[in-house]
């Protein structure tokens, strides 16, 4: 299983508004996406975090590169900063494990 962890901090009020107009439909699309096994969100230390789990990395990449997620990625630099991290795993990490991985191994954007 492939697990994807993200933590985004919206830039100001406009960034927060734009973030949520993109995040809600993207989350709903992720929940219904082919290969998605788990989809969760939580705010941690000012970051809007997601943990998603997929049957495999290719299915995650297919979701990431299409639909509302692609639209959100194109707006990212204008509305937020953040980190992402992905890994092959046998189980979904807890929120504390996921955030620690994000802080220590995440790629900053």
Protein backbone atom coordinates (compact mmCIF):
# COMPACT_ATOMS: atom_id res chain seq x y z
CA UNK A 1 0.00 0.00 0.00
CA UNK A 2 1.22 3.52 -0.77
CA UNK A 3 0.63 6.23 1.85
CA UNK A 4 0.72 9.92 0.97
CA UNK A 5 1.03 12.57 3.69
CA UNK A 6 0.62 16.30 3.08
CA UNK A 7 0.72 19.34 5.33
CA UNK A 8 -0.22 22.71 3.86
CA UNK A 9 -0.30 26.19 5.43
CA UNK A 10 -2.54 28.63 3.57
CA UNK A 11 -1.06 32.09 2.91
CA UNK A 12 -3.26 34.70 4.57
CA UNK A 13 -7.02 35.09 4.40
CA UNK A 14 -7.27 34.93 0.60
CA UNK A 15 -5.08 31.82 0.56
CA UNK A 16 -7.26 30.20 3.23
CA UNK A 17 -10.46 30.90 1.29
CA UNK A 18 -8.99 29.64 -1.98
CA UNK A 19 -7.49 26.63 -0.21
CA UNK A 20 -10.87 25.49 1.09
CA UNK A 21 -12.62 26.05 -2.25
CA UNK A 22 -10.11 23.61 -3.75
CA UNK A 23 -9.59 21.25 -0.79
CA UNK A 24 -13.20 20.19 -0.26
CA UNK A 25 -13.88 18.97 -3.83
CA UNK A 26 -10.40 17.44 -4.05
CA UNK A 27 -10.97 15.48 -0.82
CA UNK A 28 -14.33 14.22 -2.06
CA UNK A 29 -12.78 13.18 -5.35
CA UNK A 30 -9.97 11.38 -3.50
CA UNK A 31 -12.47 9.43 -1.40
CA UNK A 32 -14.09 8.09 -4.58
CA UNK A 33 -10.89 7.63 -6.59
CA UNK A 34 -9.89 4.25 -7.93
CA UNK A 35 -7.50 2.54 -5.54
CA UNK A 36 -8.11 4.80 -2.54
CA UNK A 37 -8.23 2.83 0.72
CA UNK A 38 -8.14 5.66 3.27
CA UNK A 39 -8.61 9.41 3.25
CA UNK A 40 -8.38 11.59 6.37
CA UNK A 41 -7.79 15.25 7.22
CA UNK A 42 -6.70 17.01 10.40
CA UNK A 43 -5.26 20.37 11.39
CA UNK A 44 -1.93 19.98 13.21
CA UNK A 45 0.23 22.91 14.38
CA UNK A 46 -1.23 25.26 11.77
CA UNK A 47 -0.95 22.75 8.92
CA UNK A 48 -3.97 21.37 7.09
CA UNK A 49 -2.86 17.73 6.88
CA UNK A 50 -4.06 14.78 4.84
CA UNK A 51 -3.21 11.12 5.01
CA UNK A 52 -4.33 9.02 2.07
CA UNK A 53 -3.63 5.36 1.39
CA UNK A 54 -3.73 3.77 -2.04
CA UNK A 55 -3.54 0.25 -3.45
CA UNK A 56 -0.31 1.33 -5.15
CA UNK A 57 1.75 4.40 -6.05
CA UNK A 58 0.60 4.44 -9.70
CA UNK A 59 -3.05 4.84 -8.67
CA UNK A 60 -2.09 7.68 -6.32
CA UNK A 61 -0.13 9.39 -9.11
CA UNK A 62 -3.08 9.02 -11.47
CA UNK A 63 -5.32 10.80 -8.96
CA UNK A 64 -2.67 13.44 -8.22
CA UNK A 65 -2.17 14.37 -11.88
CA UNK A 66 -5.83 14.72 -12.83
CA UNK A 67 -9.12 16.39 -11.93
CA UNK A 68 -9.51 18.78 -9.04
CA UNK A 69 -6.15 17.81 -7.52
CA UNK A 70 -4.35 18.97 -10.66
CA UNK A 71 -6.24 22.27 -10.51
CA UNK A 72 -5.27 22.65 -6.85
CA UNK A 73 -1.60 21.91 -7.57
CA UNK A 74 -1.53 24.62 -10.24
CA UNK A 75 -2.72 27.15 -7.63
CA UNK A 76 -0.51 25.90 -4.81
CA UNK A 77 2.32 28.49 -4.92
CA UNK A 78 -0.19 31.34 -4.79
CA UNK A 79 -2.22 30.04 -1.86
CA UNK A 80 -0.04 27.91 0.44
CA UNK A 81 3.29 26.55 1.56
CA UNK A 82 3.85 23.05 2.82
CA UNK A 83 5.37 19.60 2.70
CA UNK A 84 4.60 16.21 1.23
CA UNK A 85 5.89 12.73 1.91
CA UNK A 86 5.01 9.30 0.54
CA UNK A 87 5.98 5.79 1.51
CA UNK A 88 5.19 2.14 0.99
CA UNK A 89 3.64 0.78 4.20
CA UNK A 90 1.79 -2.21 5.61
CA UNK A 91 -0.41 -0.01 7.80
CA UNK A 92 -1.71 3.54 7.88
CA UNK A 93 0.37 5.66 10.27
CA UNK A 94 -1.24 7.36 13.27
CA UNK A 95 -1.55 11.13 13.07
CA UNK A 96 1.46 11.59 15.35
CA UNK A 97 3.54 9.19 13.23
CA UNK A 98 2.38 10.84 10.00
CA UNK A 99 3.19 14.37 11.20
CA UNK A 100 6.61 13.28 12.47
CA UNK A 101 7.38 11.74 9.05
CA UNK A 102 6.21 14.93 7.38
CA UNK A 103 8.42 17.11 9.57
CA UNK A 104 11.53 14.94 9.33
CA UNK A 105 11.34 13.54 5.79
CA UNK A 106 8.84 15.73 3.95
CA UNK A 107 9.76 17.68 0.84
CA UNK A 108 9.11 21.40 1.31
CA UNK A 109 7.28 23.33 -1.40
